[in-house]
Protein backbone atom coordinates (compact mmCIF):
# COMPACT_ATOMS: atom_id res chain seq x y z
CA MET A 1 40.01 -16.28 -19.53
CA ILE A 2 36.57 -17.57 -20.55
CA GLN A 3 36.19 -19.24 -17.14
CA ILE A 4 36.87 -15.94 -15.37
CA LEU A 5 34.27 -14.19 -17.55
CA ILE A 6 31.69 -16.93 -16.91
CA ARG A 7 32.41 -16.89 -13.16
CA THR A 8 32.13 -13.08 -13.03
CA CYS A 9 28.82 -13.10 -14.94
CA THR A 10 27.48 -15.85 -12.67
CA TYR A 11 28.41 -13.91 -9.52
CA LEU A 12 26.85 -10.77 -10.96
CA ILE A 13 23.59 -12.58 -11.79
CA ILE A 14 23.44 -14.13 -8.31
CA PHE A 15 24.14 -10.75 -6.70
CA VAL A 16 21.37 -9.02 -8.69
CA PHE A 17 18.88 -11.80 -7.92
CA GLY A 18 19.80 -11.75 -4.21
CA PHE A 19 19.56 -7.97 -4.04
CA ALA A 20 16.12 -7.98 -5.68
CA ALA A 21 14.93 -10.78 -3.39
CA GLY A 22 16.19 -8.83 -0.39
CA ILE A 23 14.33 -5.67 -1.39
CA TYR A 24 11.14 -7.70 -1.76
CA THR A 25 11.45 -9.77 1.43
CA LEU A 26 12.92 -7.21 3.86
CA PRO A 27 9.59 -5.41 4.42
CA ILE A 28 7.94 -8.79 5.10
CA LEU A 29 10.60 -9.83 7.61
CA THR A 30 10.64 -6.50 9.44
CA ALA A 31 6.89 -5.79 9.38
CA PRO A 32 5.26 -5.42 12.78
CA ASP A 33 2.21 -7.50 13.61
CA GLY A 34 -1.00 -6.21 12.09
CA PRO A 35 -4.02 -5.31 14.20
CA SER A 36 -6.08 -8.12 15.70
CA GLN A 37 -9.41 -9.15 14.23
CA LEU A 38 -11.05 -7.76 17.38
CA GLU A 39 -9.44 -4.33 16.87
CA LEU A 40 -10.54 -4.29 13.22
CA ALA A 41 -14.07 -5.39 14.14
CA ASN A 42 -14.33 -2.68 16.81
CA HIS A 43 -13.20 -0.05 14.33
CA ALA A 44 -15.63 -1.35 11.71
CA GLN A 45 -18.54 -0.77 14.10
CA GLN A 46 -17.56 2.90 14.47
CA ALA A 47 -16.84 3.53 10.79
CA LEU A 48 -18.57 6.36 8.99
CA TYR A 49 -17.42 5.18 5.54
CA LYS A 50 -16.24 1.98 3.92
CA GLY A 51 -14.71 0.97 0.63
CA GLU A 52 -13.11 -2.07 -0.94
CA PHE A 53 -9.63 -2.69 -2.30
CA LYS A 54 -10.01 -4.92 -5.35
CA GLU A 55 -7.33 -6.92 -7.11
CA GLU A 56 -8.49 -6.16 -10.65
CA LEU A 57 -7.80 -2.43 -10.76
CA ALA A 58 -6.05 -1.08 -13.86
CA GLY A 59 -2.85 -0.19 -11.96
CA SER A 60 -2.71 -3.38 -9.89
CA ASP A 61 -0.91 -6.54 -10.93
CA SER A 62 0.24 -9.82 -9.38
CA PHE A 63 2.99 -8.03 -7.39
CA HIS A 64 1.08 -4.83 -6.49
CA TYR A 65 -2.44 -5.28 -5.13
CA GLY A 66 -4.77 -4.96 -2.19
CA ILE A 67 -7.79 -7.09 -1.35
CA GLY A 68 -10.20 -6.31 1.48
CA GLU A 69 -12.26 -3.63 3.18
CA VAL A 70 -11.10 -0.20 4.24
CA ARG A 71 -13.10 1.67 6.89
CA LEU A 72 -12.86 5.28 7.96
CA THR A 73 -13.79 7.30 11.02
CA ASN A 74 -12.89 10.95 11.51
CA SER A 75 -9.76 9.92 13.43
CA THR A 76 -8.65 6.53 12.03
CA ILE A 77 -8.54 4.45 8.87
CA SER A 78 -8.48 0.67 9.07
CA PHE A 79 -7.99 -2.07 6.53
CA ALA A 80 -9.02 -5.71 6.95
CA GLY A 81 -7.46 -7.76 4.19
CA THR A 82 -4.15 -8.29 2.42
CA LEU A 83 -1.72 -5.95 0.70
CA SER A 84 1.06 -7.28 -1.48
CA PRO A 85 4.29 -6.78 0.49
CA GLY A 86 6.65 -3.99 -0.43
CA PRO A 87 8.70 -1.11 0.92
CA ASP A 88 7.63 2.42 1.77
CA TYR A 89 3.85 2.12 1.37
CA GLN A 90 1.99 5.38 1.93
CA LEU A 91 -1.71 5.96 2.44
CA TYR A 92 -3.24 8.90 0.58
CA LEU A 93 -6.68 10.47 0.43
CA ALA A 94 -7.90 11.80 -2.92
CA ASN A 95 -11.00 13.65 -4.07
CA ARG A 96 -11.27 11.53 -7.22
CA PHE A 97 -11.05 7.78 -7.81
CA ILE A 98 -7.66 6.86 -9.22
CA ASP A 99 -6.72 3.31 -10.17
CA ASN A 100 -3.33 3.53 -11.91
CA GLU A 101 0.17 5.03 -11.67
CA THR A 102 -0.17 7.59 -14.46
CA ASP A 103 -3.25 9.22 -12.95
CA PHE A 104 -1.77 9.03 -9.45
CA LEU A 105 1.36 10.89 -10.53
CA ALA A 106 -0.71 13.45 -12.46
CA TYR A 107 -2.92 14.25 -9.45
CA LYS A 108 -0.50 13.57 -6.58
CA GLY A 109 -0.25 17.28 -5.80
CA THR A 110 -4.00 17.40 -5.06
CA MET A 111 -3.88 14.45 -2.64
CA THR A 112 -3.21 14.32 1.07
CA ARG A 113 -0.75 11.86 2.57
CA VAL A 114 -2.19 10.32 5.73
CA ALA A 115 0.36 7.80 7.04
CA SER A 116 2.96 5.14 6.32
CA ILE A 117 1.76 1.55 6.05
CA LYS A 118 4.05 -0.97 7.74
CA THR A 119 1.83 -4.09 7.82
CA PHE A 120 0.43 -6.17 4.99
CA ASP A 121 -2.27 -8.18 6.77
CA GLY A 122 -4.42 -5.23 7.81
CA PHE A 123 -3.69 -1.88 9.40
CA ILE A 124 -5.12 0.86 11.56
CA VAL A 125 -3.66 4.34 11.09
CA THR A 126 -4.42 7.65 12.74
CA VAL A 127 -5.71 10.49 10.58
CA PRO A 128 -3.61 13.59 11.35
CA GLN A 129 -5.42 16.57 12.82
CA GLY A 130 -6.61 19.03 10.23
CA ILE A 131 -7.61 16.35 7.71
CA ASN A 132 -11.34 16.03 7.16
CA ILE A 133 -12.07 12.65 5.55
CA ALA A 134 -15.41 13.98 4.27
CA ASP A 135 -13.45 16.27 1.91
CA PHE A 136 -12.21 13.20 -0.01
CA ASN A 137 -13.76 10.11 -1.56
CA THR A 138 -10.89 7.69 -2.19
CA VAL A 139 -8.18 5.94 -0.18
CA ILE A 140 -5.01 5.01 -2.13
CA VAL A 141 -2.04 2.85 -1.18
CA TRP A 142 1.11 3.91 -3.05
CA CYS A 143 4.70 2.61 -2.96
CA GLU A 144 6.75 5.79 -2.69
CA SER A 145 10.16 4.15 -3.26
CA PHE A 146 9.29 2.65 -6.64
CA ASN A 147 6.40 4.89 -7.76
CA GLU A 148 4.07 1.90 -7.88
CA PHE A 149 0.31 1.99 -7.56
CA ILE A 150 -0.85 -0.70 -5.12
CA SER A 151 -4.59 -0.27 -4.64
CA ALA A 152 -7.45 2.20 -4.16
CA ALA A 153 -10.94 2.18 -2.71
CA GLN A 154 -13.69 4.71 -3.23
CA TYR A 155 -15.62 5.27 0.01
CA GLN A 156 -18.15 7.93 -0.98
C-alpha cells in the first residue's frame, strides 16, 4: 500500500513539473522568428520616440523582464532586445508610467491594447488605426494569461 502511495505521489509530482515546463517552453518552441537587425535598424531611423525596457523595474523579476530599446512611429512599434519567454504577451500603451502588476491592474481600463507579442528576441508590431501614440507616454508588455507584469518603457 505504501508503495502505491509513493508511486502515485511521484507520478503526480512528475506530471506537475512536466506541465509547468511545457507551459514555459511552448511559447519558445512555437515562436516565429523575430525581425532582422536590418528591419529594426530601419525602423529605428524613422522613430519619433524611444524608450528603454530595464530589468530592474519593481514588477520585473528573473522570470518576467524585458531588456532593450523600444521605438515608436505613428504606425509601428519596434523592440530591439530580449523579453523573457512566456505565453499571451500583450503590448499596451498607457498615459502614465507603470512598473508593477498592482498598478497595471488598477489602471488597465485607461490603457490601450496595441497588439499581441509572439517573439522574444525583438518585435515589430503595427499600431491599429485610430490610436495616436502621442496621446500616451509608456509602452507596457503584459502577460494576459497569468496577469504578470513583464516590462515597461516611458517614451515621452
